[in-house]
Protein backbone atom coordinates (compact mmCIF):
# COMPACT_ATOMS: atom_id res chain seq x y z
CA MET A 1 146.06 165.13 95.31
CA THR A 2 148.83 162.88 96.31
CA GLU A 3 148.75 159.29 94.86
CA PRO A 4 149.34 156.50 97.35
CA THR A 5 152.31 154.59 97.11
CA PRO A 6 152.19 150.95 96.12
CA THR A 7 152.86 149.99 99.79
CA GLU A 8 149.98 152.14 101.05
CA ALA A 9 147.50 150.88 98.35
CA ARG A 10 147.63 147.14 99.26
CA PRO A 11 146.82 145.66 102.74
CA ALA A 12 149.59 143.91 104.54
CA PHE A 13 149.77 140.24 103.78
CA GLN A 14 149.36 137.93 106.75
CA HIS A 15 150.12 134.26 106.34
CA GLU A 16 147.83 131.83 108.16
CA ARG A 17 148.64 128.14 108.31
CA PRO A 18 145.73 125.94 107.01
CA ARG A 19 143.67 124.21 109.60
CA HIS A 20 143.46 120.46 109.47
CA GLY A 21 140.56 118.42 110.61
CA LEU A 22 140.67 115.01 112.58
CA VAL A 23 140.40 113.16 109.29
CA GLY A 24 141.42 114.99 106.18
CA PRO A 25 139.55 118.28 105.85
CA PHE A 26 136.70 117.17 108.41
CA SER A 27 136.58 118.53 111.96
CA GLY A 28 135.39 116.67 115.00
CA ARG A 29 132.00 118.05 114.71
CA GLN A 30 131.61 117.22 111.14
CA LEU A 31 132.71 113.62 111.79
CA ILE A 32 130.21 113.21 114.58
CA ALA A 33 127.49 114.69 112.22
CA ILE A 34 128.35 112.19 109.49
CA VAL A 35 128.27 109.21 111.85
CA ILE A 36 124.80 110.17 113.03
CA THR A 37 123.55 110.68 109.48
CA ILE A 38 124.69 107.22 108.46
CA ALA A 39 123.19 105.62 111.66
CA LEU A 40 119.87 107.19 110.99
CA ALA A 41 119.91 106.05 107.38
CA ALA A 42 120.52 102.48 108.40
CA VAL A 43 117.67 102.60 110.88
CA ALA A 44 115.25 104.00 108.07
CA VAL A 45 116.38 101.21 105.90
CA VAL A 46 115.61 98.52 108.50
CA ILE A 47 112.21 100.06 109.10
CA VAL A 48 111.25 100.20 105.60
CA THR A 49 112.33 96.64 104.60
CA THR A 50 110.92 94.94 107.61
CA PRO A 51 107.85 92.93 106.54
CA LEU A 52 104.35 93.28 108.21
CA GLY A 53 103.96 91.52 111.56
CA GLN A 54 106.65 90.43 114.03
CA ALA A 55 108.58 87.33 113.56
CA GLY A 56 108.60 84.96 116.28
CA THR A 57 111.64 83.83 118.15
CA ALA A 58 113.37 80.44 117.46
CA GLY A 59 116.09 78.95 119.58
CA PRO A 60 119.68 79.04 118.11
CA ALA A 61 119.45 75.31 117.38
CA ASP A 62 116.09 75.68 115.43
CA PRO A 63 116.76 76.92 111.77
CA ARG A 64 113.21 76.76 110.68
CA PRO A 65 111.60 80.11 109.62
CA THR A 66 109.69 81.65 112.53
CA PRO A 67 105.98 82.58 112.43
CA TYR A 68 104.61 86.12 112.00
CA VAL A 69 102.90 87.26 115.20
CA LEU A 70 99.69 89.12 114.29
CA GLU A 71 98.03 89.40 117.67
CA SER A 72 100.41 90.79 120.50
CA PRO A 73 100.44 89.90 123.23
CA PRO A 74 99.67 86.31 121.97
CA ILE A 75 96.19 85.15 123.12
CA GLU A 76 95.30 81.87 124.71
CA GLY A 77 94.54 79.59 121.76
CA LEU A 78 92.69 76.32 121.39
CA GLN A 79 94.17 73.40 123.17
CA VAL A 80 94.97 69.77 122.29
CA GLY A 81 91.87 67.74 123.28
CA ASP A 82 89.39 70.59 122.40
CA LEU A 83 86.71 69.73 119.92
CA ALA A 84 87.55 71.68 116.68
CA PRO A 85 85.02 74.57 116.18
CA GLU A 86 83.04 74.41 113.10
CA LEU A 87 84.20 76.81 110.21
CA SER A 88 81.40 79.25 110.55
CA VAL A 89 80.53 82.03 112.86
CA THR A 90 77.71 84.33 113.92
CA ARG A 91 79.02 87.84 113.86
CA GLY A 92 78.12 90.65 116.37
CA ASP A 93 75.62 92.13 114.21
CA GLY A 94 73.77 88.93 113.70
CA SER A 95 75.03 88.03 110.37
CA THR A 96 76.71 84.70 109.68
CA PHE A 97 79.81 83.72 107.87
CA GLN A 98 80.47 80.20 106.44
CA LEU A 99 83.92 79.48 105.14
CA THR A 100 83.96 78.52 101.52
CA ASP A 101 86.57 77.42 99.11
CA LEU A 102 87.86 79.30 95.99
CA ASP A 103 84.92 78.00 94.02
CA GLY A 104 82.34 79.10 96.71
CA LYS A 105 81.67 75.60 98.01
CA PRO A 106 81.02 75.55 101.93
CA VAL A 107 83.94 73.96 103.90
CA ARG A 108 82.37 72.13 106.86
CA LEU A 109 84.25 69.90 109.22
CA ALA A 110 81.01 67.97 109.80
CA ASP A 111 81.37 66.72 106.32
CA LEU A 112 84.91 65.43 107.08
CA ARG A 113 84.26 63.25 109.94
CA GLY A 114 86.20 60.01 109.53
CA ARG A 115 89.22 61.86 107.96
CA VAL A 116 92.15 63.48 109.39
CA VAL A 117 91.91 67.24 108.70
CA TRP A 118 95.03 69.59 108.67
CA ILE A 119 93.95 73.23 108.92
CA ASP A 120 96.80 75.72 107.95
CA PHE A 121 96.28 79.42 108.63
CA TRP A 122 98.54 81.29 106.20
CA ALA A 123 98.95 84.19 103.93
CA SER A 124 100.50 84.67 100.43
CA TRP A 125 102.64 87.60 101.54
CA CYS A 126 104.11 85.71 104.60
CA PRO A 127 107.69 84.25 103.90
CA PRO A 128 107.46 81.32 106.53
CA CYS A 129 104.16 80.38 104.89
CA GLN A 130 105.74 80.38 101.44
CA SER A 131 108.51 78.18 102.81
CA GLU A 132 106.25 75.37 103.72
CA THR A 133 103.92 75.58 100.69
CA PRO A 134 105.75 72.77 98.77
CA ILE A 135 105.82 70.55 101.69
CA ILE A 136 102.10 70.90 102.22
CA ARG A 137 101.33 70.47 98.58
CA GLN A 138 103.21 67.31 98.57
CA VAL A 139 101.84 65.58 101.59
CA ALA A 140 98.28 66.73 100.75
CA ALA A 141 98.73 64.81 97.37
CA ASP A 142 100.35 61.75 98.95
CA TYR A 143 97.77 61.18 101.72
CA ALA A 144 94.53 62.34 99.96
CA ASP A 145 93.48 58.84 99.43
CA LYS A 146 94.67 57.58 102.77
CA GLY A 147 92.27 59.72 104.82
CA LEU A 148 93.89 63.17 104.98
CA THR A 149 92.13 66.46 103.98
CA VAL A 150 94.19 69.65 103.89
CA ILE A 151 92.45 73.04 104.36
CA GLY A 152 94.66 76.09 103.79
CA ILE A 153 92.83 79.17 105.32
CA SER A 154 94.32 82.34 103.96
CA VAL A 155 94.15 85.52 106.13
CA GLN A 156 94.95 89.23 105.71
CA GLU A 157 94.61 89.24 101.97
CA THR A 158 93.23 91.96 99.79
CA SER A 159 90.95 89.83 97.78
CA VAL A 160 89.91 86.27 96.91
CA ASP A 161 91.50 86.83 93.49
CA ASP A 162 94.87 87.20 95.19
CA VAL A 163 94.49 84.04 96.94
CA ARG A 164 93.43 82.29 93.87
CA ALA A 165 96.45 83.65 91.95
CA TYR A 166 98.74 82.19 94.41
CA ALA A 167 97.09 78.87 94.50
CA GLU A 168 97.21 78.54 90.78
CA THR A 169 100.75 79.74 90.43
CA TYR A 170 101.98 77.11 92.82
CA GLY A 171 99.66 74.40 91.85
CA LEU A 172 97.71 73.91 95.17
CA ASP A 173 95.21 71.20 94.63
CA TYR A 174 94.18 70.98 98.20
CA THR A 175 91.25 72.95 99.60
CA ILE A 176 92.01 76.74 99.68
CA ALA A 177 89.77 79.28 101.46
CA ALA A 178 89.94 82.96 102.06
CA ASP A 179 89.08 84.25 105.42
CA LEU A 180 89.28 88.00 104.46
CA ASP A 181 87.62 89.36 107.59
CA ALA A 182 89.50 86.96 109.80
CA ASP A 183 86.24 85.40 111.23
CA ILE A 184 87.60 81.86 111.50
CA PHE A 185 91.14 83.23 112.41
CA HIS A 186 89.55 84.72 115.46
CA ARG A 187 87.24 81.87 116.24
CA TYR A 188 90.32 79.52 116.33
CA ARG A 189 91.99 82.17 118.50
CA VAL A 190 95.16 82.21 116.25
CA TYR A 191 97.68 84.84 116.91
CA ALA A 192 100.45 83.98 114.43
CA ILE A 193 100.93 82.60 110.89
CA PRO A 194 101.46 79.93 109.73
CA THR A 195 99.53 78.12 112.55
CA GLN A 196 98.70 74.33 112.10
CA PHE A 197 95.84 72.44 113.61
CA LEU A 198 95.66 68.65 113.03
CA ILE A 199 92.29 67.24 113.77
CA ASP A 200 91.59 63.59 114.25
CA PRO A 201 88.77 61.67 112.57
CA GLN A 202 86.53 62.34 115.55
CA GLY A 203 86.97 66.00 115.17
CA VAL A 204 89.28 66.47 118.12
CA ILE A 205 92.33 68.71 118.00
CA ARG A 206 95.60 66.64 118.27
CA LEU A 207 98.14 69.18 117.43
CA VAL A 208 98.55 72.98 117.53
CA MET A 209 101.79 74.32 116.05
CA ASN A 210 102.70 78.05 115.64
CA GLY A 211 105.14 78.09 112.83
CA PRO A 212 105.75 76.35 109.58
CA VAL A 213 106.40 72.64 109.14
CA ALA A 214 109.92 72.18 108.48
CA SER A 215 110.17 69.17 106.29
CA GLU A 216 108.03 66.42 104.62
CA ALA A 217 109.44 63.77 107.18
CA GLU A 218 108.07 66.08 109.94
CA ALA A 219 104.63 66.34 108.37
CA ARG A 220 104.54 62.70 107.72
CA SER A 221 105.52 61.92 111.33
CA LEU A 222 102.62 64.05 112.55
CA ILE A 223 100.00 62.77 110.00
CA GLU A 224 100.48 59.03 109.93
CA PRO A 225 99.66 58.13 113.61
CA LEU A 226 96.30 59.97 113.07
CA LEU A 227 95.22 58.29 109.92
CA PRO A 228 92.14 56.02 110.11
CA ALA A 229 94.15 52.89 109.01
CA ALA A 230 96.71 53.57 111.84
CA GLN A 231 94.07 54.13 114.54
CA SER A 232 91.99 50.97 113.45
CA GLY A 233 95.17 48.88 113.70
CA SER A 234 95.95 50.12 117.28
C-alpha cells in the first residue's frame, strides 16, 4: 500500500479574515438582545421596589409627599359642612364595630363635643404618613390643653400589636386606634392615606385634606381658628 505524501495527508489551509461585530465582538443582533435584557431588568426593579398603593399627584410647585391612593377611582368623600359620622358601624351581617384605642377604650365623637377633633387616617408602612408623624405629635401635645384632640386611625395593618409598636417607637401620646377591617375608613369614605379631617366643637367637618400636613406652621394655621377660645372671641 502506497503511503500518502505529506501534501495529500493534510487538508488545504484556507485563511479567513476574522469577523468583527458592531461593537467589539458583538453583532448587531447581540447588541439588541443585550439592550432588551437591560430594559426588562430595569422594569422589574421598578415593579419590585414600588410600595403598595399609588402615589397621588402633586403639582411641580408642591414639594410635599403625596398620599397613597387605596381606592381607585377615588370615591366621593365626606364634605365640609357635613356632620362627622360617629366612629362605629353596623356591618352587613348585623354585627357592630366600635372604634377603640390601643387600650381597648371606646373612641366616641359624642364624648368630645366642645373640643376640636383632628382625625388622621394613616398607616405605619406609608412614607407620607411617616413624614407627618413628628408634626402631628408636636401639635397634639401643644394644643391638648387648649381644646384639641387628635385621633390617629391606622388602616391596612396586620395587627394591633404592629400599630402599638409604631406608636411606642415614636412616642405618640395622642389617641391611636386600629381600624384593621377598614370599617371607619369606609364609613368616612376615605380613598387615600393620609387623609385629615378637622371637626369643630359642634361636630361639623371643617376641613378634609387628602395628603400629609406639610409643616407645624400649616397645622397651627388650620387648628387655631377652630379652637374654643378663638370661636368664643369671634
